[in-house]
Amino acid sequence: MITSEVLKTTDEICAILRVSRQTLWRLTKENPSLPGRVRIGRLTRWSEKELIGWLSSQ
């Protein structure tokens, strides 16, 4: 069974979190457990579901 997961762009995740791109990258460097980042070739996409779940558990 294939489940489709919505992947958001970096800009969309920044808008959801209300942070700049630089702050988002800093968060990924400072906290390697930050989930949801998916590399597709040269593109970076984020699993909104995983990221929101992680934030709510913090």
Protein backbone atom coordinates (compact mmCIF):
# COMPACT_ATOMS: atom_id res chain seq x y z
CA MET A 1 0.00 0.00 0.00
CA ILE A 2 1.38 3.37 -0.98
CA THR A 3 0.72 6.30 1.30
CA SER A 4 1.20 9.76 -0.04
CA GLU A 5 2.72 12.29 2.28
CA VAL A 6 2.62 16.01 1.66
CA LEU A 7 6.10 17.47 1.35
CA LYS A 8 6.48 21.21 1.77
CA THR A 9 9.16 23.50 0.40
CA THR A 10 11.59 25.26 2.69
CA ASP A 11 9.74 28.56 2.18
CA GLU A 12 6.42 26.95 3.13
CA ILE A 13 7.93 25.49 6.31
CA CYS A 14 9.45 28.88 7.17
CA ALA A 15 6.01 30.45 6.83
CA ILE A 16 4.45 27.79 9.06
CA LEU A 17 7.14 28.22 11.73
CA ARG A 18 7.34 32.00 11.22
CA VAL A 19 11.12 31.95 10.89
CA SER A 20 13.57 32.98 8.17
CA ARG A 21 15.37 30.48 5.94
CA GLN A 22 18.59 31.22 7.82
CA THR A 23 16.94 30.47 11.16
CA LEU A 24 15.52 27.20 9.82
CA TRP A 25 18.96 26.07 8.64
CA ARG A 26 20.45 27.09 11.99
CA LEU A 27 17.82 24.99 13.76
CA THR A 28 18.77 21.96 11.65
CA LYS A 29 22.46 22.45 12.49
CA GLU A 30 21.85 22.97 16.23
CA ASN A 31 19.32 20.16 16.55
CA PRO A 32 20.11 17.16 14.32
CA SER A 33 17.03 15.36 15.67
CA LEU A 34 14.80 17.86 13.83
CA PRO A 35 12.72 15.52 11.66
CA GLY A 36 11.10 15.81 8.32
CA ARG A 37 13.93 16.94 6.06
CA VAL A 38 14.00 14.98 2.80
CA ARG A 39 16.55 15.44 0.04
CA ILE A 40 15.29 14.74 -3.49
CA GLY A 41 18.27 15.28 -5.73
CA ARG A 42 19.26 18.90 -5.19
CA LEU A 43 15.89 19.82 -3.69
CA THR A 44 15.04 19.87 -0.01
CA ARG A 45 11.50 19.11 1.03
CA TRP A 46 10.01 18.79 4.49
CA SER A 47 7.43 16.42 5.90
CA GLU A 48 4.94 18.80 7.46
CA LYS A 49 3.34 16.02 9.51
CA GLU A 50 6.65 14.90 11.08
CA LEU A 51 7.81 18.45 11.78
CA ILE A 52 4.54 19.55 13.38
CA GLY A 53 4.45 16.36 15.47
CA TRP A 54 8.00 17.00 16.66
CA LEU A 55 7.20 20.60 17.55
CA SER A 56 4.13 19.63 19.56
CA SER A 57 6.22 17.16 21.58
CA GLN A 58 8.82 19.81 22.48
